[in-house]
Amino acid sequence: MIFDGHSDIFTDVTIKRLLGETQVIKNRHLQRLRRGQIEGGCFVLWIDPPYDVNPAVRLDALLRAVKDEMAECEEAVIVRNIAEIQAAKAADKFYILTGMEGLSGIGEDVDRLYELYDFGVRHAMLTWNEQNALATGVQGDFSRGLTSLGRKALEIMQQKKMIVDVSHLNDRSFWDVIDTVRTPILASHSNVRTLANVSRNLADDQLLAIRDTNGLIGLNSFNIFVSPNTNEQDVDHLIKHASYIADKIGVEHLGFGFDFFEFLSSDSVSGFSPQEVPYTVGLEDCSKVPNMVTKMKAAGFTDKELEMIAYGNWHNLIRKVVG
């Protein structure tokens, strides 16, 4: 079975519920997740454009939508630690670790992290692509890093045993986080910059720094993070990223963070038309994940290593940081 360490399904839940739908996970997603042998994942609260112009309002809408959705969804459950994951698996329920894809929604009020923790959030990135009151994303000022408020936010996250995620940070903020955080660091959905030279991917020294925190990197299926060449944006080339990470820092630091969002593009949310969905060929949606696992085995990954990558390493990270 598989743990997907980065999913935007809660964004779809919010969009659909605001249009009057209910049971979005059950009716729109669960069957496809099961075909993909995905048993659980980290579902993030993301301030999606164009709602990022007023992030606090969008965050409140996300929280309301997720609360209402989970209250009526009998097939899935929010989990807050490894014991709740094990209980959900025993009950044959899809389990969701709640995360934050950026904290722009809290503005300068870092004490809202306590409210988010009480809601069930156990993971957070300081930014999406933007720069905000806490830190700087990849589309912000390259010379700007972590702020004093960002350092305070990280202290709260460590106090509350929340996973710190560096995907989407610019390089300056990345290294500031490395210098500040004392727990294992996560890059939930980032690939290798040596193989695809984009700012969202990780340079070799960043891979090594995450390894040295006993952290984890999740493979991302977004096509331009796999290769800049369109004829190489396929599963085989994504597996090259997996092999590179495993060889460079060890398979125990590798997981999945697929970042599927074809279901959002059809709603014109992500800036892509339905004909321009930025998927990797062979990973058009989460139902295709078992095909990738089969190809990884053919590429030389052992059954034990695949079990670690599929869910074991994620569970270990949750156990070490969250409890």
C-alpha atoms as a PDB file:
ATOM      1  CA  MET A   1       0.000   0.000   0.000  1.00  0.00           C
ATOM      2  CA  ILE A   2       1.031   3.609  -0.583  1.00  0.00           C
ATOM      3  CA  PHE A   3       1.149   6.887   1.363  1.00  0.00           C
ATOM      4  CA  ASP A   4       0.977   9.993  -0.847  1.00  0.00           C
ATOM      5  CA  GLY A   5       2.810  12.712   1.016  1.00  0.00           C
ATOM      6  CA  HIS A   6       1.278  15.642  -0.863  1.00  0.00           C
ATOM      7  CA  SER A   7      -2.319  15.937  -2.073  1.00  0.00           C
ATOM      8  CA  ASP A   8      -4.493  18.935  -3.000  1.00  0.00           C
ATOM      9  CA  ILE A   9      -7.776  17.063  -2.576  1.00  0.00           C
ATOM     10  CA  PHE A  10      -8.888  19.389   0.232  1.00  0.00           C
ATOM     11  CA  THR A  11      -8.773  22.248  -2.283  1.00  0.00           C
ATOM     12  CA  ASP A  12     -11.171  20.308  -4.486  1.00  0.00           C
ATOM     13  CA  VAL A  13     -13.343  19.585  -1.450  1.00  0.00           C
ATOM     14  CA  THR A  14     -13.566  23.316  -0.758  1.00  0.00           C
ATOM     15  CA  ILE A  15     -14.338  24.256  -4.356  1.00  0.00           C
ATOM     16  CA  LYS A  16     -17.052  21.626  -4.680  1.00  0.00           C
ATOM     17  CA  ARG A  17     -18.655  22.271  -1.297  1.00  0.00           C
ATOM     18  CA  LEU A  18     -18.870  25.996  -2.009  1.00  0.00           C
ATOM     19  CA  LEU A  19     -20.824  25.005  -5.125  1.00  0.00           C
ATOM     20  CA  GLY A  20     -23.223  22.933  -3.015  1.00  0.00           C
ATOM     21  CA  GLU A  21     -21.765  19.428  -3.318  1.00  0.00           C
ATOM     22  CA  THR A  22     -21.324  17.078  -0.383  1.00  0.00           C
ATOM     23  CA  GLN A  23     -19.372  13.834   0.092  1.00  0.00           C
ATOM     24  CA  VAL A  24     -16.689  15.047  -2.303  1.00  0.00           C
ATOM     25  CA  ILE A  25     -14.002  12.604  -1.161  1.00  0.00           C
ATOM     26  CA  LYS A  26     -16.321   9.624  -1.465  1.00  0.00           C
ATOM     27  CA  ASN A  27     -17.916  10.621  -4.768  1.00  0.00           C
ATOM     28  CA  ARG A  28     -14.996  12.256  -6.548  1.00  0.00           C
ATOM     29  CA  HIS A  29     -11.774  10.722  -5.221  1.00  0.00           C
ATOM     30  CA  LEU A  30     -11.960   7.562  -3.153  1.00  0.00           C
ATOM     31  CA  GLN A  31     -12.445   5.076  -5.975  1.00  0.00           C
ATOM     32  CA  ARG A  32      -9.452   6.453  -7.867  1.00  0.00           C
ATOM     33  CA  LEU A  33      -7.303   6.428  -4.720  1.00  0.00           C
ATOM     34  CA  ARG A  34      -8.171   2.802  -4.102  1.00  0.00           C
ATOM     35  CA  ARG A  35      -7.308   1.875  -7.680  1.00  0.00           C
ATOM     36  CA  GLY A  36      -3.940   3.468  -7.023  1.00  0.00           C
ATOM     37  CA  GLN A  37      -3.496   1.374  -3.848  1.00  0.00           C
ATOM     38  CA  ILE A  38      -3.186   4.611  -1.868  1.00  0.00           C
ATOM     39  CA  GLU A  39      -4.241   3.961   1.715  1.00  0.00           C
ATOM     40  CA  GLY A  40      -3.594   7.431   3.111  1.00  0.00           C
ATOM     41  CA  GLY A  41      -1.841  10.710   2.560  1.00  0.00           C
ATOM     42  CA  CYS A  42      -0.999  14.220   3.639  1.00  0.00           C
ATOM     43  CA  PHE A  43      -3.840  16.462   2.438  1.00  0.00           C
ATOM     44  CA  VAL A  44      -2.862  20.110   2.527  1.00  0.00           C
ATOM     45  CA  LEU A  45      -4.748  23.354   3.006  1.00  0.00           C
ATOM     46  CA  TRP A  46      -3.520  25.483   0.092  1.00  0.00           C
ATOM     47  CA  ILE A  47      -4.413  29.124  -0.561  1.00  0.00           C
ATOM     48  CA  ASP A  48      -5.068  28.668  -4.291  1.00  0.00           C
ATOM     49  CA  PRO A  49      -4.995  31.528  -6.802  1.00  0.00           C
ATOM     50  CA  PRO A  50      -6.890  33.789  -7.220  1.00  0.00           C
ATOM     51  CA  TYR A  51      -7.911  33.512  -3.551  1.00  0.00           C
ATOM     52  CA  ASP A  52      -4.364  34.264  -2.428  1.00  0.00           C
ATOM     53  CA  VAL A  53      -5.199  37.989  -2.644  1.00  0.00           C
ATOM     54  CA  ASN A  54      -7.074  37.513   0.648  1.00  0.00           C
ATOM     55  CA  PRO A  55      -5.469  34.438   2.190  1.00  0.00           C
ATOM     56  CA  ALA A  56      -7.063  34.724   5.643  1.00  0.00           C
ATOM     57  CA  VAL A  57     -10.561  34.526   4.140  1.00  0.00           C
ATOM     58  CA  ARG A  58      -9.613  31.522   2.013  1.00  0.00           C
ATOM     59  CA  LEU A  59      -8.031  29.744   4.980  1.00  0.00           C
ATOM     60  CA  ASP A  60     -11.256  30.111   6.956  1.00  0.00           C
ATOM     61  CA  ALA A  61     -13.224  28.721   3.977  1.00  0.00           C
ATOM     62  CA  LEU A  62     -10.859  25.743   3.757  1.00  0.00           C
ATOM     63  CA  LEU A  63     -11.186  24.993   7.456  1.00  0.00           C
ATOM     64  CA  ARG A  64     -14.991  25.137   7.315  1.00  0.00           C
ATOM     65  CA  ALA A  65     -15.167  22.951   4.212  1.00  0.00           C
ATOM     66  CA  VAL A  66     -12.809  20.316   5.593  1.00  0.00           C
ATOM     67  CA  LYS A  67     -14.592  20.222   8.948  1.00  0.00           C
ATOM     68  CA  ASP A  68     -17.980  19.741   7.268  1.00  0.00           C
ATOM     69  CA  GLU A  69     -16.655  17.197   4.779  1.00  0.00           C
ATOM     70  CA  MET A  70     -14.973  15.022   7.377  1.00  0.00           C
ATOM     71  CA  ALA A  71     -18.029  15.141   9.646  1.00  0.00           C
ATOM     72  CA  GLU A  72     -20.053  13.344   6.992  1.00  0.00           C
ATOM     73  CA  CYS A  73     -17.364  11.119   5.432  1.00  0.00           C
ATOM     74  CA  GLU A  74     -17.500   7.651   6.969  1.00  0.00           C
ATOM     75  CA  GLU A  75     -14.885   6.166   4.639  1.00  0.00           C
ATOM     76  CA  ALA A  76     -12.012   8.473   5.649  1.00  0.00           C
ATOM     77  CA  VAL A  77     -10.650   9.878   8.885  1.00  0.00           C
ATOM     78  CA  ILE A  78      -8.215  12.611   9.917  1.00  0.00           C
ATOM     79  CA  VAL A  79      -5.288  11.194  11.891  1.00  0.00           C
ATOM     80  CA  ARG A  80      -3.010  13.077  14.275  1.00  0.00           C
ATOM     81  CA  ASN A  81      -0.282  10.531  15.085  1.00  0.00           C
ATOM     82  CA  ILE A  82       1.020   7.093  14.195  1.00  0.00           C
ATOM     83  CA  ALA A  83      -1.349   5.321  16.620  1.00  0.00           C
ATOM     84  CA  GLU A  84      -4.348   6.863  14.852  1.00  0.00           C
ATOM     85  CA  ILE A  85      -2.891   5.800  11.502  1.00  0.00           C
ATOM     86  CA  GLN A  86      -2.667   2.222  12.728  1.00  0.00           C
ATOM     87  CA  ALA A  87      -6.222   2.380  14.086  1.00  0.00           C
ATOM     88  CA  ALA A  88      -7.513   3.732  10.771  1.00  0.00           C
ATOM     89  CA  LYS A  89      -5.763   0.962   8.855  1.00  0.00           C
ATOM     90  CA  ALA A  90      -7.238  -1.645  11.185  1.00  0.00           C
ATOM     91  CA  ALA A  91     -10.702  -0.164  10.568  1.00  0.00           C
ATOM     92  CA  ASP A  92     -10.092  -0.150   6.786  1.00  0.00           C
ATOM     93  CA  LYS A  93     -10.492   3.626   6.587  1.00  0.00           C
ATOM     94  CA  PHE A  94      -8.588   5.989   4.333  1.00  0.00           C
ATOM     95  CA  TYR A  95      -6.431   8.111   6.639  1.00  0.00           C
ATOM     96  CA  ILE A  96      -5.516  11.768   6.202  1.00  0.00           C
ATOM     97  CA  LEU A  97      -2.706  13.677   7.881  1.00  0.00           C
ATOM     98  CA  THR A  98      -3.637  17.357   7.585  1.00  0.00           C
ATOM     99  CA  GLY A  99      -0.980  19.803   6.393  1.00  0.00           C
ATOM    100  CA  MET A 100      -0.513  23.414   5.369  1.00  0.00           C
ATOM    101  CA  GLU A 101       0.884  24.304   1.945  1.00  0.00           C
ATOM    102  CA  GLY A 102       2.051  27.711   3.100  1.00  0.00           C
ATOM    103  CA  LEU A 103       1.058  29.850   6.061  1.00  0.00           C
ATOM    104  CA  SER A 104       0.080  33.081   4.302  1.00  0.00           C
ATOM    105  CA  GLY A 105      -3.416  32.606   5.737  1.00  0.00           C
ATOM    106  CA  ILE A 106      -2.240  33.368   9.278  1.00  0.00           C
ATOM    107  CA  GLY A 107      -0.602  36.649   8.252  1.00  0.00           C
ATOM    108  CA  GLU A 108       1.573  37.875  11.115  1.00  0.00           C
ATOM    109  CA  ASP A 109      -0.434  36.048  13.796  1.00  0.00           C
ATOM    110  CA  VAL A 110       1.806  33.057  14.450  1.00  0.00           C
ATOM    111  CA  ASP A 111      -0.322  32.118  17.464  1.00  0.00           C
ATOM    112  CA  ARG A 112      -2.900  30.856  14.936  1.00  0.00           C
ATOM    113  CA  LEU A 113      -0.642  27.821  14.659  1.00  0.00           C
ATOM    114  CA  TYR A 114      -2.098  26.696  17.985  1.00  0.00           C
ATOM    115  CA  GLU A 115      -5.597  26.910  16.478  1.00  0.00           C
ATOM    116  CA  LEU A 116      -4.460  24.964  13.410  1.00  0.00           C
ATOM    117  CA  TYR A 117      -2.872  22.335  15.628  1.00  0.00           C
ATOM    118  CA  ASP A 118      -6.127  21.940  17.562  1.00  0.00           C
ATOM    119  CA  PHE A 119      -7.920  21.537  14.216  1.00  0.00           C
ATOM    120  CA  GLY A 120      -5.642  18.575  13.453  1.00  0.00           C
ATOM    121  CA  VAL A 121      -2.810  20.109  11.425  1.00  0.00           C
ATOM    122  CA  ARG A 122       0.455  18.222  11.968  1.00  0.00           C
ATOM    123  CA  HIS A 123       2.529  19.504   9.034  1.00  0.00           C
ATOM    124  CA  ALA A 124       3.285  22.897   7.483  1.00  0.00           C
ATOM    125  CA  MET A 125       5.334  24.789   4.906  1.00  0.00           C
ATOM    126  CA  LEU A 126       6.028  28.419   5.765  1.00  0.00           C
ATOM    127  CA  THR A 127       5.241  29.566   2.227  1.00  0.00           C
ATOM    128  CA  TRP A 128       3.830  28.422  -1.082  1.00  0.00           C
ATOM    129  CA  ASN A 129       5.638  30.182  -3.967  1.00  0.00           C
ATOM    130  CA  GLU A 130       5.085  33.663  -2.504  1.00  0.00           C
ATOM    131  CA  GLN A 131       7.061  35.581   0.061  1.00  0.00           C
ATOM    132  CA  ASN A 132       5.051  36.342   3.165  1.00  0.00           C
ATOM    133  CA  ALA A 133       5.512  37.544   6.721  1.00  0.00           C
ATOM    134  CA  LEU A 134       7.349  34.345   7.669  1.00  0.00           C
ATOM    135  CA  ALA A 135       9.691  33.420   4.833  1.00  0.00           C
ATOM    136  CA  THR A 136      10.306  33.546   1.089  1.00  0.00           C
ATOM    137  CA  GLY A 137       9.085  31.138  -1.559  1.00  0.00           C
ATOM    138  CA  VAL A 138      10.760  30.350  -4.864  1.00  0.00           C
ATOM    139  CA  GLN A 139       9.036  33.256  -6.624  1.00  0.00           C
ATOM    140  CA  GLY A 140      10.094  35.800  -4.010  1.00  0.00           C
ATOM    141  CA  ASP A 141      13.250  37.845  -3.533  1.00  0.00           C
ATOM    142  CA  PHE A 142      16.179  35.425  -3.848  1.00  0.00           C
ATOM    143  CA  SER A 143      18.155  37.358  -1.231  1.00  0.00           C
ATOM    144  CA  ARG A 144      15.350  37.296   1.358  1.00  0.00           C
ATOM    145  CA  GLY A 145      15.042  34.358   3.717  1.00  0.00           C
ATOM    146  CA  LEU A 146      13.390  33.523   7.009  1.00  0.00           C
ATOM    147  CA  THR A 147      12.008  36.422   9.084  1.00  0.00           C
ATOM    148  CA  SER A 148      11.933  36.799  12.854  1.00  0.00           C
ATOM    149  CA  LEU A 149       8.239  35.867  12.746  1.00  0.00           C
ATOM    150  CA  GLY A 150       9.155  32.818  10.706  1.00  0.00           C
ATOM    151  CA  ARG A 151      11.621  31.741  13.365  1.00  0.00           C
ATOM    152  CA  LYS A 152       8.909  32.137  15.989  1.00  0.00           C
ATOM    153  CA  ALA A 153       6.559  30.047  13.853  1.00  0.00           C
ATOM    154  CA  LEU A 154       9.180  27.313  13.607  1.00  0.00           C
ATOM    155  CA  GLU A 155       9.630  27.347  17.372  1.00  0.00           C
ATOM    156  CA  ILE A 156       5.884  26.844  17.826  1.00  0.00           C
ATOM    157  CA  MET A 157       5.865  24.047  15.253  1.00  0.00           C
ATOM    158  CA  GLN A 158       8.689  22.261  17.044  1.00  0.00           C
ATOM    159  CA  GLN A 159       6.997  22.775  20.414  1.00  0.00           C
ATOM    160  CA  LYS A 160       3.778  21.239  19.048  1.00  0.00           C
ATOM    161  CA  LYS A 161       5.654  18.450  17.225  1.00  0.00           C
ATOM    162  CA  MET A 162       4.578  19.472  13.737  1.00  0.00           C
ATOM    163  CA  ILE A 163       6.515  18.384  10.642  1.00  0.00           C
ATOM    164  CA  VAL A 164       8.459  21.240   8.997  1.00  0.00           C
ATOM    165  CA  ASP A 165       8.340  21.095   5.182  1.00  0.00           C
ATOM    166  CA  VAL A 166      10.817  23.025   2.992  1.00  0.00           C
ATOM    167  CA  SER A 167       9.227  22.403  -0.416  1.00  0.00           C
ATOM    168  CA  HIS A 168       8.448  25.770  -2.086  1.00  0.00           C
ATOM    169  CA  LEU A 169      11.036  27.732  -0.070  1.00  0.00           C
ATOM    170  CA  ASN A 170      13.744  29.642  -1.903  1.00  0.00           C
ATOM    171  CA  ASP A 171      17.338  28.610  -1.232  1.00  0.00           C
ATOM    172  CA  ARG A 172      17.988  31.318   1.365  1.00  0.00           C
ATOM    173  CA  SER A 173      14.921  30.334   3.389  1.00  0.00           C
ATOM    174  CA  PHE A 174      15.804  26.648   3.032  1.00  0.00           C
ATOM    175  CA  TRP A 175      19.191  27.147   4.663  1.00  0.00           C
ATOM    176  CA  ASP A 176      17.714  29.387   7.341  1.00  0.00           C
ATOM    177  CA  VAL A 177      15.303  26.575   8.231  1.00  0.00           C
ATOM    178  CA  ILE A 178      18.128  24.039   8.288  1.00  0.00           C
ATOM    179  CA  ASP A 179      19.995  26.295  10.721  1.00  0.00           C
ATOM    180  CA  THR A 180      16.918  26.773  12.939  1.00  0.00           C
ATOM    181  CA  VAL A 181      15.013  23.484  13.149  1.00  0.00           C
ATOM    182  CA  ARG A 182      16.164  20.650  15.406  1.00  0.00           C
ATOM    183  CA  THR A 183      13.807  17.925  14.110  1.00  0.00           C
ATOM    184  CA  PRO A 184      13.860  15.891  10.870  1.00  0.00           C
ATOM    185  CA  ILE A 185      13.156  18.083   7.828  1.00  0.00           C
ATOM    186  CA  LEU A 186      10.720  17.174   5.063  1.00  0.00           C
ATOM    187  CA  ALA A 187      10.678  18.193   1.400  1.00  0.00           C
ATOM    188  CA  SER A 188       7.296  16.671   0.642  1.00  0.00           C
ATOM    189  CA  HIS A 189       7.140  17.209  -3.125  1.00  0.00           C
ATOM    190  CA  SER A 190      10.477  18.105  -4.679  1.00  0.00           C
ATOM    191  CA  ASN A 191      12.797  16.329  -7.109  1.00  0.00           C
ATOM    192  CA  VAL A 192      16.500  16.626  -8.015  1.00  0.00           C
ATOM    193  CA  ARG A 193      17.858  19.890  -9.436  1.00  0.00           C
ATOM    194  CA  THR A 194      20.782  18.118 -11.090  1.00  0.00           C
ATOM    195  CA  LEU A 195      18.311  16.220 -13.296  1.00  0.00           C
ATOM    196  CA  ALA A 196      15.767  19.040 -13.779  1.00  0.00           C
ATOM    197  CA  ASN A 197      17.185  22.485 -13.095  1.00  0.00           C
ATOM    198  CA  VAL A 198      14.181  24.309 -11.642  1.00  0.00           C
ATOM    199  CA  SER A 199      14.092  26.241  -8.389  1.00  0.00           C
ATOM    200  CA  ARG A 200      11.480  23.936  -6.849  1.00  0.00           C
ATOM    201  CA  ASN A 201      13.874  21.002  -7.019  1.00  0.00           C
ATOM    202  CA  LEU A 202      16.714  20.327  -4.586  1.00  0.00           C
ATOM    203  CA  ALA A 203      20.432  20.826  -5.170  1.00  0.00           C
ATOM    204  CA  ASP A 204      22.804  18.114  -4.035  1.00  0.00           C
ATOM    205  CA  ASP A 205      23.894  20.006  -0.907  1.00  0.00           C
ATOM    206  CA  GLN A 206      20.218  20.369   0.043  1.00  0.00           C
ATOM    207  CA  LEU A 207      19.671  16.634  -0.371  1.00  0.00           C
ATOM    208  CA  LEU A 208      22.604  15.991   1.949  1.00  0.00           C
ATOM    209  CA  ALA A 209      21.364  18.546   4.485  1.00  0.00           C
ATOM    210  CA  ILE A 210      17.943  16.862   4.646  1.00  0.00           C
ATOM    211  CA  ARG A 211      19.665  13.501   5.085  1.00  0.00           C
ATOM    212  CA  ASP A 212      21.697  14.898   7.956  1.00  0.00           C
ATOM    213  CA  THR A 213      18.487  15.867   9.796  1.00  0.00           C
ATOM    214  CA  ASN A 214      17.254  12.281   9.318  1.00  0.00           C
ATOM    215  CA  GLY A 215      14.567  13.754   7.048  1.00  0.00           C
ATOM    216  CA  LEU A 216      12.622  12.749   3.965  1.00  0.00           C
ATOM    217  CA  ILE A 217      12.098  13.784   0.328  1.00  0.00           C
ATOM    218  CA  GLY A 218       8.885  13.007  -1.577  1.00  0.00           C
ATOM    219  CA  LEU A 219       9.007  12.461  -5.348  1.00  0.00           C
ATOM    220  CA  ASN A 220       6.852  14.937  -7.305  1.00  0.00           C
ATOM    221  CA  SER A 221       5.016  13.947 -10.512  1.00  0.00           C
ATOM    222  CA  PHE A 222       4.640  17.520 -11.845  1.00  0.00           C
ATOM    223  CA  ASN A 223       6.144  17.218 -15.324  1.00  0.00           C
ATOM    224  CA  ILE A 224       8.569  20.169 -15.404  1.00  0.00           C
ATOM    225  CA  PHE A 225      10.105  18.949 -12.145  1.00  0.00           C
ATOM    226  CA  VAL A 226      10.908  15.652 -13.895  1.00  0.00           C
ATOM    227  CA  SER A 227      12.627  17.085 -16.973  1.00  0.00           C
ATOM    228  CA  PRO A 228      12.730  20.337 -18.961  1.00  0.00           C
ATOM    229  CA  ASN A 229      12.409  18.245 -22.125  1.00  0.00           C
ATOM    230  CA  THR A 230       8.826  17.296 -22.966  1.00  0.00           C
ATOM    231  CA  ASN A 231       9.880  13.958 -24.436  1.00  0.00           C
ATOM    232  CA  GLU A 232      11.426  13.027 -21.074  1.00  0.00           C
ATOM    233  CA  GLN A 233       8.469  13.956 -18.853  1.00  0.00           C
ATOM    234  CA  ASP A 234       7.520  10.364 -18.135  1.00  0.00           C
ATOM    235  CA  VAL A 235       7.616   7.787 -15.360  1.00  0.00           C
ATOM    236  CA  ASP A 236      10.969   6.372 -16.432  1.00  0.00           C
ATOM    237  CA  HIS A 237      12.624   9.755 -15.964  1.00  0.00           C
ATOM    238  CA  LEU A 238      10.899  10.313 -12.614  1.00  0.00           C
ATOM    239  CA  ILE A 239      12.381   6.993 -11.519  1.00  0.00           C
ATOM    240  CA  LYS A 240      15.810   8.428 -12.398  1.00  0.00           C
ATOM    241  CA  HIS A 241      15.154  11.023  -9.669  1.00  0.00           C
ATOM    242  CA  ALA A 242      14.274   8.202  -7.262  1.00  0.00           C
ATOM    243  CA  SER A 243      17.493   6.356  -8.065  1.00  0.00           C
ATOM    244  CA  TYR A 244      19.562   9.525  -7.765  1.00  0.00           C
ATOM    245  CA  ILE A 245      18.168  10.320  -4.305  1.00  0.00           C
ATOM    246  CA  ALA A 246      18.544   6.721  -3.116  1.00  0.00           C
ATOM    247  CA  ASP A 247      22.145   6.570  -4.329  1.00  0.00           C
ATOM    248  CA  LYS A 248      23.039  10.023  -2.983  1.00  0.00           C
ATOM    249  CA  ILE A 249      21.506   9.962   0.496  1.00  0.00           C
ATOM    250  CA  GLY A 250      19.946   6.519   1.014  1.00  0.00           C
ATOM    251  CA  VAL A 251      16.600   4.931   0.249  1.00  0.00           C
ATOM    252  CA  GLU A 252      15.502   5.514   3.852  1.00  0.00           C
ATOM    253  CA  HIS A 253      15.138   9.220   2.974  1.00  0.00           C
ATOM    254  CA  LEU A 254      12.851   8.718  -0.034  1.00  0.00           C
ATOM    255  CA  GLY A 255       9.062   8.679  -0.313  1.00  0.00           C
ATOM    256  CA  PHE A 256       6.217   9.786  -2.561  1.00  0.00           C
ATOM    257  CA  GLY A 257       4.662  13.271  -2.687  1.00  0.00           C
ATOM    258  CA  PHE A 258       2.974  13.118  -6.065  1.00  0.00           C
ATOM    259  CA  ASP A 259       1.131  16.476  -6.119  1.00  0.00           C
ATOM    260  CA  PHE A 260      -1.633  15.243  -8.438  1.00  0.00           C
ATOM    261  CA  PHE A 261      -4.088  17.975  -9.317  1.00  0.00           C
ATOM    262  CA  GLU A 262      -5.689  17.069 -12.640  1.00  0.00           C
ATOM    263  CA  PHE A 263      -9.010  17.354 -10.823  1.00  0.00           C
ATOM    264  CA  LEU A 264      -8.275  21.046 -10.159  1.00  0.00           C
ATOM    265  CA  SER A 265      -7.154  21.955 -13.659  1.00  0.00           C
ATOM    266  CA  SER A 266     -10.527  20.999 -15.066  1.00  0.00           C
ATOM    267  CA  ASP A 267     -11.987  23.708 -12.849  1.00  0.00           C
ATOM    268  CA  SER A 268      -9.499  26.295 -14.213  1.00  0.00           C
ATOM    269  CA  VAL A 269      -7.994  26.689 -10.767  1.00  0.00           C
ATOM    270  CA  SER A 270      -4.307  26.158 -11.361  1.00  0.00           C
ATOM    271  CA  GLY A 271      -3.866  28.272 -14.479  1.00  0.00           C
ATOM    272  CA  PHE A 272      -4.050  25.325 -16.841  1.00  0.00           C
ATOM    273  CA  SER A 273      -6.809  24.305 -19.206  1.00  0.00           C
ATOM    274  CA  PRO A 274      -7.966  20.644 -19.186  1.00  0.00           C
ATOM    275  CA  GLN A 275      -5.774  20.114 -22.266  1.00  0.00           C
ATOM    276  CA  GLU A 276      -2.676  21.444 -20.491  1.00  0.00           C
ATOM    277  CA  VAL A 277      -2.635  19.365 -17.311  1.00  0.00           C
ATOM    278  CA  PRO A 278       1.045  19.206 -16.267  1.00  0.00           C
ATOM    279  CA  TYR A 279       1.221  15.497 -15.545  1.00  0.00           C
ATOM    280  CA  THR A 280       4.067  13.067 -16.097  1.00  0.00           C
ATOM    281  CA  VAL A 281       3.213  10.546 -18.804  1.00  0.00           C
ATOM    282  CA  GLY A 282       2.305   7.293 -17.094  1.00  0.00           C
ATOM    283  CA  LEU A 283       1.225   9.134 -13.934  1.00  0.00           C
ATOM    284  CA  GLU A 284      -1.804  10.985 -15.257  1.00  0.00           C
ATOM    285  CA  ASP A 285      -3.568  10.525 -11.917  1.00  0.00           C
ATOM    286  CA  CYS A 286      -3.185   8.584  -8.695  1.00  0.00           C
ATOM    287  CA  SER A 287      -4.719   5.395 -10.134  1.00  0.00           C
ATOM    288  CA  LYS A 288      -1.497   4.909 -12.158  1.00  0.00           C
ATOM    289  CA  VAL A 289       0.836   4.787  -9.157  1.00  0.00           C
ATOM    290  CA  PRO A 290       1.082   0.947  -9.080  1.00  0.00           C
ATOM    291  CA  ASN A 291       2.524   1.060 -12.600  1.00  0.00           C
ATOM    292  CA  MET A 292       5.330   3.276 -11.307  1.00  0.00           C
ATOM    293  CA  VAL A 293       6.045   0.892  -8.432  1.00  0.00           C
ATOM    294  CA  THR A 294       6.303  -1.985 -10.931  1.00  0.00           C
ATOM    295  CA  LYS A 295       8.746   0.021 -13.034  1.00  0.00           C
ATOM    296  CA  MET A 296      10.785   0.910  -9.952  1.00  0.00           C
ATOM    297  CA  LYS A 297      11.173  -2.780  -9.194  1.00  0.00           C
ATOM    298  CA  ALA A 298      12.341  -3.373 -12.749  1.00  0.00           C
ATOM    299  CA  ALA A 299      14.839  -0.526 -12.273  1.00  0.00           C
ATOM    300  CA  GLY A 300      16.444  -2.374  -9.365  1.00  0.00           C
ATOM    301  CA  PHE A 301      14.577  -1.343  -6.221  1.00  0.00           C
ATOM    302  CA  THR A 302      13.991  -4.348  -3.947  1.00  0.00           C
ATOM    303  CA  ASP A 303      10.633  -5.262  -2.412  1.00  0.00           C
ATOM    304  CA  LYS A 304      11.892  -4.079   0.985  1.00  0.00           C
ATOM    305  CA  GLU A 305      13.057  -0.767  -0.448  1.00  0.00           C
ATOM    306  CA  LEU A 306       9.744  -0.262  -2.243  1.00  0.00           C
ATOM    307  CA  GLU A 307       7.873  -0.886   1.002  1.00  0.00           C
ATOM    308  CA  MET A 308       9.997   1.786   2.669  1.00  0.00           C
ATOM    309  CA  ILE A 309       9.411   4.287  -0.143  1.00  0.00           C
ATOM    310  CA  ALA A 310       5.705   3.499  -0.511  1.00  0.00           C
ATOM    311  CA  TYR A 311       4.789   4.142   3.124  1.00  0.00           C
ATOM    312  CA  GLY A 312       7.397   2.976   5.625  1.00  0.00           C
ATOM    313  CA  ASN A 313       9.622   6.038   5.503  1.00  0.00           C
ATOM    314  CA  TRP A 314       6.636   8.365   5.816  1.00  0.00           C
ATOM    315  CA  HIS A 315       5.324   6.463   8.816  1.00  0.00           C
ATOM    316  CA  ASN A 316       8.781   6.604  10.410  1.00  0.00           C
ATOM    317  CA  LEU A 317       8.941  10.375   9.907  1.00  0.00           C
ATOM    318  CA  ILE A 318       5.512  10.830  11.471  1.00  0.00           C
ATOM    319  CA  ARG A 319       6.499   8.586  14.364  1.00  0.00           C
ATOM    320  CA  LYS A 320       9.762  10.490  14.968  1.00  0.00           C
ATOM    321  CA  VAL A 321       8.328  14.013  14.742  1.00  0.00           C
ATOM    322  CA  VAL A 322       4.625  13.836  15.617  1.00  0.00           C
ATOM    323  CA  GLY A 323       4.524  10.767  17.816  1.00  0.00           C
END
